[in-house]
PDB file of N, CA and C in Angstrom:
ATOM      1  N   UNK A   1      92.958 118.593  89.894  1.00  0.00           N
ATOM      2  CA  UNK A   1      93.903 119.256  89.034  1.00  0.00           C
ATOM      3  C   UNK A   1      95.278 119.302  89.680  1.00  0.00           C
ATOM      4  N   UNK A   2      95.361 118.868  90.908  1.00  0.00           N
ATOM      5  CA  UNK A   2      96.635 118.845  91.607  1.00  0.00           C
ATOM      6  C   UNK A   2      97.600 117.916  90.891  1.00  0.00           C
ATOM      7  N   UNK A   3      98.869 118.345  90.780  1.00  0.00           N
ATOM      8  CA  UNK A   3      99.863 117.530  90.103  1.00  0.00           C
ATOM      9  C   UNK A   3      99.949 117.816  88.612  1.00  0.00           C
ATOM     10  N   UNK A   4      99.040 118.620  88.097  1.00  0.00           N
ATOM     11  CA  UNK A   4      99.088 118.968  86.680  1.00  0.00           C
ATOM     12  C   UNK A   4      99.745 120.333  86.536  1.00  0.00           C
ATOM     13  N   UNK A   5     100.446 120.515  85.452  1.00  0.00           N
ATOM     14  CA  UNK A   5     101.120 121.779  85.194  1.00  0.00           C
ATOM     15  C   UNK A   5     100.346 122.560  84.149  1.00  0.00           C
ATOM     16  N   UNK A   6     100.374 123.883  84.274  1.00  0.00           N
ATOM     17  CA  UNK A   6      99.734 124.684  83.242  1.00  0.00           C
ATOM     18  C   UNK A   6     100.686 124.809  82.050  1.00  0.00           C
ATOM     19  N   UNK A   7     100.232 125.446  80.992  1.00  0.00           N
ATOM     20  CA  UNK A   7     100.995 125.514  79.752  1.00  0.00           C
ATOM     21  C   UNK A   7     102.364 126.160  79.917  1.00  0.00           C
ATOM     22  N   UNK A   8     102.427 127.269  80.642  1.00  0.00           N
ATOM     23  CA  UNK A   8     103.699 127.966  80.797  1.00  0.00           C
ATOM     24  C   UNK A   8     104.680 127.126  81.619  1.00  0.00           C
ATOM     25  N   UNK A   9     104.195 126.484  82.660  1.00  0.00           N
ATOM     26  CA  UNK A   9     105.064 125.608  83.454  1.00  0.00           C
ATOM     27  C   UNK A   9     105.608 124.468  82.601  1.00  0.00           C
ATOM     28  N   UNK A  10     104.768 123.887  81.773  1.00  0.00           N
ATOM     29  CA  UNK A  10     105.215 122.822  80.875  1.00  0.00           C
ATOM     30  C   UNK A  10     106.265 123.347  79.896  1.00  0.00           C
ATOM     31  N   UNK A  11     106.011 124.517  79.331  1.00  0.00           N
ATOM     32  CA  UNK A  11     106.938 125.094  78.360  1.00  0.00           C
ATOM     33  C   UNK A  11     108.296 125.374  79.001  1.00  0.00           C
ATOM     34  N   UNK A  12     108.298 125.911  80.206  1.00  0.00           N
ATOM     35  CA  UNK A  12     109.565 126.175  80.900  1.00  0.00           C
ATOM     36  C   UNK A  12     110.312 124.875  81.179  1.00  0.00           C
ATOM     37  N   UNK A  13     109.580 123.850  81.579  1.00  0.00           N
ATOM     38  CA  UNK A  13     110.196 122.544  81.810  1.00  0.00           C
ATOM     39  C   UNK A  13     110.820 121.987  80.545  1.00  0.00           C
ATOM     40  N   UNK A  14     110.142 122.137  79.431  1.00  0.00           N
ATOM     41  CA  UNK A  14     110.678 121.654  78.151  1.00  0.00           C
ATOM     42  C   UNK A  14     111.949 122.402  77.788  1.00  0.00           C
ATOM     43  N   UNK A  15     111.958 123.717  77.964  1.00  0.00           N
ATOM     44  CA  UNK A  15     113.145 124.526  77.637  1.00  0.00           C
ATOM     45  C   UNK A  15     114.342 124.073  78.468  1.00  0.00           C
ATOM     46  N   UNK A  16     114.137 123.908  79.772  1.00  0.00           N
ATOM     47  CA  UNK A  16     115.226 123.499  80.669  1.00  0.00           C
ATOM     48  C   UNK A  16     115.683 122.069  80.362  1.00  0.00           C
ATOM     49  N   UNK A  17     114.739 121.160  80.244  1.00  0.00           N
ATOM     50  CA  UNK A  17     115.091 119.751  80.007  1.00  0.00           C
ATOM     51  C   UNK A  17     115.752 119.543  78.648  1.00  0.00           C
ATOM     52  N   UNK A  18     115.349 120.315  77.655  1.00  0.00           N
ATOM     53  CA  UNK A  18     115.984 120.209  76.341  1.00  0.00           C
ATOM     54  C   UNK A  18     117.455 120.579  76.442  1.00  0.00           C
ATOM     55  N   UNK A  19     117.758 121.682  77.104  1.00  0.00           N
ATOM     56  CA  UNK A  19     119.157 122.077  77.303  1.00  0.00           C
ATOM     57  C   UNK A  19     119.921 120.977  78.032  1.00  0.00           C
ATOM     58  N   UNK A  20     119.358 120.497  79.122  1.00  0.00           N
ATOM     59  CA  UNK A  20     120.044 119.483  79.927  1.00  0.00           C
ATOM     60  C   UNK A  20     120.278 118.188  79.158  1.00  0.00           C
ATOM     61  N   UNK A  21     119.319 117.797  78.332  1.00  0.00           N
ATOM     62  CA  UNK A  21     119.449 116.559  77.558  1.00  0.00           C
ATOM     63  C   UNK A  21     120.600 116.645  76.551  1.00  0.00           C
ATOM     64  N   UNK A  22     120.775 117.783  75.913  1.00  0.00           N
ATOM     65  CA  UNK A  22     121.817 117.907  74.898  1.00  0.00           C
ATOM     66  C   UNK A  22     123.185 118.242  75.495  1.00  0.00           C
ATOM     67  N   UNK A  23     123.242 118.968  76.587  1.00  0.00           N
ATOM     68  CA  UNK A  23     124.548 119.363  77.117  1.00  0.00           C
ATOM     69  C   UNK A  23     125.271 118.205  77.800  1.00  0.00           C
ATOM     70  N   UNK A  24     124.612 117.124  78.027  1.00  0.00           N
ATOM     71  CA  UNK A  24     125.245 115.999  78.715  1.00  0.00           C
ATOM     72  C   UNK A  24     125.816 114.954  77.768  1.00  0.00           C
ATOM     73  N   UNK A  25     125.847 115.254  76.485  1.00  0.00           N
ATOM     74  CA  UNK A  25     126.301 114.260  75.519  1.00  0.00           C
ATOM     75  C   UNK A  25     127.820 114.197  75.382  1.00  0.00           C
ATOM     76  N   UNK A  26     128.511 115.318  75.571  1.00  0.00           N
ATOM     77  CA  UNK A  26     129.972 115.318  75.432  1.00  0.00           C
ATOM     78  C   UNK A  26     130.564 116.446  76.268  1.00  0.00           C
ATOM     79  N   UNK A  27     131.812 116.331  76.633  1.00  0.00           N
ATOM     80  CA  UNK A  27     132.519 117.404  77.329  1.00  0.00           C
ATOM     81  C   UNK A  27     131.852 117.838  78.619  1.00  0.00           C
ATOM     82  N   UNK A  28     131.814 119.147  78.801  1.00  0.00           N
ATOM     83  CA  UNK A  28     131.236 119.747  79.997  1.00  0.00           C
ATOM     84  C   UNK A  28     129.738 119.474  80.023  1.00  0.00           C
ATOM     85  N   UNK A  29     129.260 118.893  81.094  1.00  0.00           N
ATOM     86  CA  UNK A  29     127.840 118.519  81.153  1.00  0.00           C
ATOM     87  C   UNK A  29     126.928 119.673  81.551  1.00  0.00           C
ATOM     88  N   UNK A  30     127.481 120.896  81.631  1.00  0.00           N
ATOM     89  CA  UNK A  30     126.678 122.071  81.959  1.00  0.00           C
ATOM     90  C   UNK A  30     126.678 123.102  80.837  1.00  0.00           C
ATOM     91  N   UNK A  31     127.279 122.758  79.699  1.00  0.00           N
ATOM     92  CA  UNK A  31     127.312 123.665  78.557  1.00  0.00           C
ATOM     93  C   UNK A  31     127.102 122.875  77.271  1.00  0.00           C
ATOM     94  N   UNK A  32     126.723 123.592  76.216  1.00  0.00           N
ATOM     95  CA  UNK A  32     126.578 122.984  74.898  1.00  0.00           C
ATOM     96  C   UNK A  32     127.834 123.244  74.088  1.00  0.00           C
ATOM     97  N   UNK A  33     128.412 122.199  73.545  1.00  0.00           N
ATOM     98  CA  UNK A  33     129.510 122.353  72.601  1.00  0.00           C
ATOM     99  C   UNK A  33     128.924 122.725  71.244  1.00  0.00           C
ATOM    100  N   UNK A  34     129.751 123.006  70.283  1.00  0.00           N
ATOM    101  CA  UNK A  34     129.290 123.299  68.928  1.00  0.00           C
ATOM    102  C   UNK A  34     128.465 122.123  68.393  1.00  0.00           C
ATOM    103  N   UNK A  35     128.955 120.907  68.579  1.00  0.00           N
ATOM    104  CA  UNK A  35     128.253 119.715  68.104  1.00  0.00           C
ATOM    105  C   UNK A  35     126.927 119.498  68.810  1.00  0.00           C
ATOM    106  N   UNK A  36     126.903 119.733  70.107  1.00  0.00           N
ATOM    107  CA  UNK A  36     125.654 119.583  70.862  1.00  0.00           C
ATOM    108  C   UNK A  36     124.634 120.627  70.424  1.00  0.00           C
ATOM    109  N   UNK A  37     125.097 121.862  70.179  1.00  0.00           N
ATOM    110  CA  UNK A  37     124.200 122.903  69.689  1.00  0.00           C
ATOM    111  C   UNK A  37     123.650 122.521  68.318  1.00  0.00           C
ATOM    112  N   UNK A  38     124.506 122.022  67.439  1.00  0.00           N
ATOM    113  CA  UNK A  38     124.073 121.582  66.110  1.00  0.00           C
ATOM    114  C   UNK A  38     122.997 120.501  66.234  1.00  0.00           C
ATOM    115  N   UNK A  39     123.234 119.501  67.088  1.00  0.00           N
ATOM    116  CA  UNK A  39     122.267 118.423  67.279  1.00  0.00           C
ATOM    117  C   UNK A  39     120.952 118.941  67.848  1.00  0.00           C
ATOM    118  N   UNK A  40     121.020 119.852  68.815  1.00  0.00           N
ATOM    119  CA  UNK A  40     119.820 120.427  69.403  1.00  0.00           C
ATOM    120  C   UNK A  40     118.998 121.140  68.331  1.00  0.00           C
ATOM    121  N   UNK A  41     119.637 121.970  67.529  1.00  0.00           N
ATOM    122  CA  UNK A  41     118.922 122.702  66.485  1.00  0.00           C
ATOM    123  C   UNK A  41     118.325 121.751  65.454  1.00  0.00           C
ATOM    124  N   UNK A  42     119.093 120.751  65.073  1.00  0.00           N
ATOM    125  CA  UNK A  42     118.648 119.787  64.059  1.00  0.00           C
ATOM    126  C   UNK A  42     117.445 118.981  64.543  1.00  0.00           C
ATOM    127  N   UNK A  43     117.482 118.518  65.785  1.00  0.00           N
ATOM    128  CA  UNK A  43     116.433 117.642  66.295  1.00  0.00           C
ATOM    129  C   UNK A  43     115.226 118.407  66.857  1.00  0.00           C
ATOM    130  N   UNK A  44     115.478 119.540  67.478  1.00  0.00           N
ATOM    131  CA  UNK A  44     114.406 120.253  68.166  1.00  0.00           C
ATOM    132  C   UNK A  44     113.754 121.341  67.312  1.00  0.00           C
ATOM    133  N   UNK A  45     114.430 121.772  66.254  1.00  0.00           N
ATOM    134  CA  UNK A  45     113.874 122.768  65.340  1.00  0.00           C
ATOM    135  C   UNK A  45     113.973 122.245  63.909  1.00  0.00           C
ATOM    136  N   UNK A  46     113.301 121.138  63.608  1.00  0.00           N
ATOM    137  CA  UNK A  46     113.440 120.526  62.287  1.00  0.00           C
ATOM    138  C   UNK A  46     112.971 121.406  61.143  1.00  0.00           C
ATOM    139  N   UNK A  47     112.140 122.402  61.422  1.00  0.00           N
ATOM    140  CA  UNK A  47     111.691 123.294  60.350  1.00  0.00           C
ATOM    141  C   UNK A  47     112.836 124.130  59.795  1.00  0.00           C
ATOM    142  N   UNK A  48     113.946 124.216  60.514  1.00  0.00           N
ATOM    143  CA  UNK A  48     115.107 124.941  60.001  1.00  0.00           C
ATOM    144  C   UNK A  48     115.657 124.300  58.729  1.00  0.00           C
ATOM    145  N   UNK A  49     115.422 122.992  58.569  1.00  0.00           N
ATOM    146  CA  UNK A  49     115.910 122.286  57.376  1.00  0.00           C
ATOM    147  C   UNK A  49     115.352 122.883  56.098  1.00  0.00           C
ATOM    148  N   UNK A  50     114.116 123.370  56.157  1.00  0.00           N
ATOM    149  CA  UNK A  50     113.473 123.892  54.957  1.00  0.00           C
ATOM    150  C   UNK A  50     113.961 125.301  54.603  1.00  0.00           C
ATOM    151  N   UNK A  51     114.643 125.968  55.524  1.00  0.00           N
ATOM    152  CA  UNK A  51     115.166 127.300  55.245  1.00  0.00           C
ATOM    153  C   UNK A  51     116.488 127.199  54.501  1.00  0.00           C
ATOM    154  N   UNK A  52     116.736 128.151  53.680  1.00  0.00           N
ATOM    155  CA  UNK A  52     118.020 128.206  52.972  1.00  0.00           C
ATOM    156  C   UNK A  52     119.007 128.940  53.886  1.00  0.00           C
ATOM    157  N   UNK A  53     119.763 128.171  54.641  1.00  0.00           N
ATOM    158  CA  UNK A  53     120.703 128.739  55.600  1.00  0.00           C
ATOM    159  C   UNK A  53     122.094 128.727  54.976  1.00  0.00           C
ATOM    160  N   UNK A  54     122.746 129.869  55.044  1.00  0.00           N
ATOM    161  CA  UNK A  54     124.040 129.988  54.390  1.00  0.00           C
ATOM    162  C   UNK A  54     125.114 129.163  55.100  1.00  0.00           C
ATOM    163  N   UNK A  55     126.112 128.825  54.346  1.00  0.00           N
ATOM    164  CA  UNK A  55     127.264 128.085  54.878  1.00  0.00           C
ATOM    165  C   UNK A  55     127.906 128.897  56.002  1.00  0.00           C
ATOM    166  N   UNK A  56     128.251 128.254  57.072  1.00  0.00           N
ATOM    167  CA  UNK A  56     128.888 128.929  58.199  1.00  0.00           C
ATOM    168  C   UNK A  56     127.917 129.549  59.185  1.00  0.00           C
ATOM    169  N   UNK A  57     126.618 129.330  58.987  1.00  0.00           N
ATOM    170  CA  UNK A  57     125.617 129.933  59.875  1.00  0.00           C
ATOM    171  C   UNK A  57     125.735 129.408  61.300  1.00  0.00           C
ATOM    172  N   UNK A  58     126.057 128.111  61.449  1.00  0.00           N
ATOM    173  CA  UNK A  58     126.200 127.556  62.800  1.00  0.00           C
ATOM    174  C   UNK A  58     127.355 128.227  63.537  1.00  0.00           C
ATOM    175  N   UNK A  59     128.450 128.451  62.842  1.00  0.00           N
ATOM    176  CA  UNK A  59     129.594 129.114  63.466  1.00  0.00           C
ATOM    177  C   UNK A  59     129.237 130.546  63.878  1.00  0.00           C
ATOM    178  N   UNK A  60     128.478 131.235  63.023  1.00  0.00           N
ATOM    179  CA  UNK A  60     128.045 132.589  63.360  1.00  0.00           C
ATOM    180  C   UNK A  60     127.118 132.590  64.568  1.00  0.00           C
ATOM    181  N   UNK A  61     126.180 131.647  64.597  1.00  0.00           N
ATOM    182  CA  UNK A  61     125.268 131.547  65.730  1.00  0.00           C
ATOM    183  C   UNK A  61     126.045 131.240  67.004  1.00  0.00           C
ATOM    184  N   UNK A  62     126.970 130.316  66.925  1.00  0.00           N
ATOM    185  CA  UNK A  62     127.787 129.958  68.090  1.00  0.00           C
ATOM    186  C   UNK A  62     128.539 131.185  68.597  1.00  0.00           C
ATOM    187  N   UNK A  63     129.121 131.957  67.684  1.00  0.00           N
ATOM    188  CA  UNK A  63     129.858 133.154  68.081  1.00  0.00           C
ATOM    189  C   UNK A  63     128.941 134.191  68.731  1.00  0.00           C
ATOM    190  N   UNK A  64     127.729 134.321  68.221  1.00  0.00           N
ATOM    191  CA  UNK A  64     126.767 135.266  68.808  1.00  0.00           C
ATOM    192  C   UNK A  64     126.317 134.826  70.194  1.00  0.00           C
ATOM    193  N   UNK A  65     126.057 133.531  70.345  1.00  0.00           N
ATOM    194  CA  UNK A  65     125.561 133.027  71.624  1.00  0.00           C
ATOM    195  C   UNK A  65     126.640 132.992  72.699  1.00  0.00           C
ATOM    196  N   UNK A  66     127.854 132.674  72.307  1.00  0.00           N
ATOM    197  CA  UNK A  66     128.962 132.485  73.245  1.00  0.00           C
ATOM    198  C   UNK A  66     129.509 133.836  73.703  1.00  0.00           C
ATOM    199  N   UNK A  67     128.744 134.530  74.538  1.00  0.00           N
ATOM    200  CA  UNK A  67     129.117 135.891  74.939  1.00  0.00           C
ATOM    201  C   UNK A  67     130.380 135.950  75.791  1.00  0.00           C
ATOM    202  N   UNK A  68     130.697 134.893  76.517  1.00  0.00           N
ATOM    203  CA  UNK A  68     131.921 134.906  77.328  1.00  0.00           C
ATOM    204  C   UNK A  68     133.118 134.314  76.591  1.00  0.00           C
ATOM    205  N   UNK A  69     132.902 133.911  75.337  1.00  0.00           N
ATOM    206  CA  UNK A  69     133.964 133.442  74.430  1.00  0.00           C
ATOM    207  C   UNK A  69     134.755 132.257  74.975  1.00  0.00           C
ATOM    208  N   UNK A  70     134.047 131.308  75.614  1.00  0.00           N
ATOM    209  CA  UNK A  70     134.724 130.116  76.119  1.00  0.00           C
ATOM    210  C   UNK A  70     134.562 128.910  75.192  1.00  0.00           C
ATOM    211  N   UNK A  71     133.933 129.125  74.027  1.00  0.00           N
ATOM    212  CA  UNK A  71     133.767 128.041  73.065  1.00  0.00           C
ATOM    213  C   UNK A  71     132.604 127.115  73.384  1.00  0.00           C
ATOM    214  N   UNK A  72     131.786 127.483  74.359  1.00  0.00           N
ATOM    215  CA  UNK A  72     130.631 126.687  74.788  1.00  0.00           C
ATOM    216  C   UNK A  72     129.432 127.612  74.947  1.00  0.00           C
ATOM    217  N   UNK A  73     128.241 127.038  74.940  1.00  0.00           N
ATOM    218  CA  UNK A  73     127.026 127.806  75.202  1.00  0.00           C
ATOM    219  C   UNK A  73     126.486 127.352  76.549  1.00  0.00           C
ATOM    220  N   UNK A  74     126.554 128.245  77.545  1.00  0.00           N
ATOM    221  CA  UNK A  74     126.025 127.894  78.859  1.00  0.00           C
ATOM    222  C   UNK A  74     124.516 128.175  78.896  1.00  0.00           C
ATOM    223  N   UNK A  75     123.886 127.888  80.015  1.00  0.00           N
ATOM    224  CA  UNK A  75     122.431 127.997  80.095  1.00  0.00           C
ATOM    225  C   UNK A  75     121.947 129.424  79.862  1.00  0.00           C
ATOM    226  N   UNK A  76     122.618 130.413  80.449  1.00  0.00           N
ATOM    227  CA  UNK A  76     122.210 131.808  80.251  1.00  0.00           C
ATOM    228  C   UNK A  76     122.318 132.217  78.791  1.00  0.00           C
ATOM    229  N   UNK A  77     123.361 131.773  78.109  1.00  0.00           N
ATOM    230  CA  UNK A  77     123.528 132.080  76.685  1.00  0.00           C
ATOM    231  C   UNK A  77     122.442 131.382  75.861  1.00  0.00           C
ATOM    232  N   UNK A  78     122.105 130.156  76.222  1.00  0.00           N
ATOM    233  CA  UNK A  78     121.033 129.401  75.569  1.00  0.00           C
ATOM    234  C   UNK A  78     119.688 130.101  75.755  1.00  0.00           C
ATOM    235  N   UNK A  79     119.436 130.597  76.954  1.00  0.00           N
ATOM    236  CA  UNK A  79     118.173 131.277  77.236  1.00  0.00           C
ATOM    237  C   UNK A  79     118.051 132.548  76.402  1.00  0.00           C
ATOM    238  N   UNK A  80     119.150 133.233  76.150  1.00  0.00           N
ATOM    239  CA  UNK A  80     119.095 134.412  75.265  1.00  0.00           C
ATOM    240  C   UNK A  80     118.644 133.997  73.870  1.00  0.00           C
ATOM    241  N   UNK A  81     119.124 132.845  73.398  1.00  0.00           N
ATOM    242  CA  UNK A  81     118.698 132.323  72.099  1.00  0.00           C
ATOM    243  C   UNK A  81     117.209 131.998  72.120  1.00  0.00           C
ATOM    244  N   UNK A  82     116.749 131.303  73.165  1.00  0.00           N
ATOM    245  CA  UNK A  82     115.338 130.936  73.274  1.00  0.00           C
ATOM    246  C   UNK A  82     114.482 132.204  73.308  1.00  0.00           C
ATOM    247  N   UNK A  83     114.929 133.202  74.055  1.00  0.00           N
ATOM    248  CA  UNK A  83     114.208 134.468  74.138  1.00  0.00           C
ATOM    249  C   UNK A  83     114.117 135.142  72.772  1.00  0.00           C
ATOM    250  N   UNK A  84     115.210 135.165  72.050  1.00  0.00           N
ATOM    251  CA  UNK A  84     115.208 135.758  70.707  1.00  0.00           C
ATOM    252  C   UNK A  84     114.285 134.991  69.774  1.00  0.00           C
ATOM    253  N   UNK A  85     114.307 133.657  69.859  1.00  0.00           N
ATOM    254  CA  UNK A  85     113.431 132.838  69.026  1.00  0.00           C
ATOM    255  C   UNK A  85     111.967 133.109  69.372  1.00  0.00           C
ATOM    256  N   UNK A  86     111.652 133.233  70.658  1.00  0.00           N
ATOM    257  CA  UNK A  86     110.275 133.543  71.068  1.00  0.00           C
ATOM    258  C   UNK A  86     109.848 134.908  70.535  1.00  0.00           C
ATOM    259  N   UNK A  87     110.727 135.884  70.600  1.00  0.00           N
ATOM    260  CA  UNK A  87     110.418 137.221  70.078  1.00  0.00           C
ATOM    261  C   UNK A  87     110.152 137.168  68.581  1.00  0.00           C
ATOM    262  N   UNK A  88     110.966 136.410  67.854  1.00  0.00           N
ATOM    263  CA  UNK A  88     110.764 136.249  66.419  1.00  0.00           C
ATOM    264  C   UNK A  88     109.385 135.648  66.140  1.00  0.00           C
ATOM    265  N   UNK A  89     109.048 134.558  66.838  1.00  0.00           N
ATOM    266  CA  UNK A  89     107.760 133.907  66.617  1.00  0.00           C
ATOM    267  C   UNK A  89     106.597 134.800  67.036  1.00  0.00           C
ATOM    268  N   UNK A  90     106.773 135.559  68.098  1.00  0.00           N
ATOM    269  CA  UNK A  90     105.724 136.495  68.521  1.00  0.00           C
ATOM    270  C   UNK A  90     105.458 137.513  67.420  1.00  0.00           C
ATOM    271  N   UNK A  91     106.521 138.099  66.891  1.00  0.00           N
ATOM    272  CA  UNK A  91     106.368 139.087  65.821  1.00  0.00           C
ATOM    273  C   UNK A  91     105.743 138.464  64.578  1.00  0.00           C
ATOM    274  N   UNK A  92     106.151 137.252  64.260  1.00  0.00           N
ATOM    275  CA  UNK A  92     105.656 136.572  63.063  1.00  0.00           C
ATOM    276  C   UNK A  92     104.160 136.242  63.179  1.00  0.00           C
ATOM    277  N   UNK A  93     103.725 135.821  64.374  1.00  0.00           N
ATOM    278  CA  UNK A  93     102.357 135.359  64.565  1.00  0.00           C
ATOM    279  C   UNK A  93     101.459 136.343  65.324  1.00  0.00           C
ATOM    280  N   UNK A  94     101.894 137.584  65.517  1.00  0.00           N
ATOM    281  CA  UNK A  94     101.133 138.489  66.381  1.00  0.00           C
ATOM    282  C   UNK A  94      99.730 138.805  65.880  1.00  0.00           C
ATOM    283  N   UNK A  95      99.450 138.672  64.604  1.00  0.00           N
ATOM    284  CA  UNK A  95      98.108 138.921  64.093  1.00  0.00           C
ATOM    285  C   UNK A  95      97.308 137.638  63.883  1.00  0.00           C
ATOM    286  N   UNK A  96      97.843 136.520  64.351  1.00  0.00           N
ATOM    287  CA  UNK A  96      97.167 135.235  64.228  1.00  0.00           C
ATOM    288  C   UNK A  96      96.334 134.956  65.478  1.00  0.00           C
ATOM    289  N   UNK A  97      95.370 134.040  65.370  1.00  0.00           N
ATOM    290  CA  UNK A  97      94.600 133.675  66.582  1.00  0.00           C
ATOM    291  C   UNK A  97      95.524 133.065  67.648  1.00  0.00           C
ATOM    292  N   UNK A  98      95.197 133.286  68.894  1.00  0.00           N
ATOM    293  CA  UNK A  98      96.011 132.791  70.019  1.00  0.00           C
ATOM    294  C   UNK A  98      95.676 131.331  70.296  1.00  0.00           C
ATOM    295  N   UNK A  99      96.241 130.444  69.516  1.00  0.00           N
ATOM    296  CA  UNK A  99      96.063 129.006  69.702  1.00  0.00           C
ATOM    297  C   UNK A  99      97.444 128.352  69.693  1.00  0.00           C
ATOM    298  N   UNK A 100      97.500 127.158  70.259  1.00  0.00           N
ATOM    299  CA  UNK A 100      98.758 126.421  70.256  1.00  0.00           C
ATOM    300  C   UNK A 100      99.141 126.078  68.836  1.00  0.00           C
ATOM    301  N   UNK A 101     100.433 126.231  68.502  1.00  0.00           N
ATOM    302  CA  UNK A 101     100.863 125.815  67.171  1.00  0.00           C
ATOM    303  C   UNK A 101     100.770 124.295  67.045  1.00  0.00           C
ATOM    304  N   UNK A 102     100.518 123.832  65.869  1.00  0.00           N
ATOM    305  CA  UNK A 102     100.411 122.394  65.625  1.00  0.00           C
ATOM    306  C   UNK A 102     101.730 121.879  65.072  1.00  0.00           C
ATOM    307  N   UNK A 103     102.141 120.757  65.587  1.00  0.00           N
ATOM    308  CA  UNK A 103     103.337 120.092  65.089  1.00  0.00           C
ATOM    309  C   UNK A 103     102.905 119.165  63.965  1.00  0.00           C
ATOM    310  N   UNK A 104     103.583 119.267  62.837  1.00  0.00           N
ATOM    311  CA  UNK A 104     103.202 118.421  61.689  1.00  0.00           C
ATOM    312  C   UNK A 104     104.098 117.240  61.566  1.00  0.00           C
TER     313      UNK A 104
END
């Protein structure tokens, strides 16, 4: 079993690598621009497409995440988003069986 990662280690690696993959596309390679955040949400959370999201929601999300108001989302700001998303999913699925979600 040496060299294998458990589920939580894999999940943490995915969270970190996802941020790093998108923040290196333009501008500062240590932060997400508005466009990089949009691409990350579009590609990594495709189920958002099925939700009726109001016009300007990306700008509102960017403003909420960008706590230091530098026009970028740094890793700590991104982690707050991931934490909030995890809390939402925990609340949504708390009465469901504890199994891995299936990707369709």
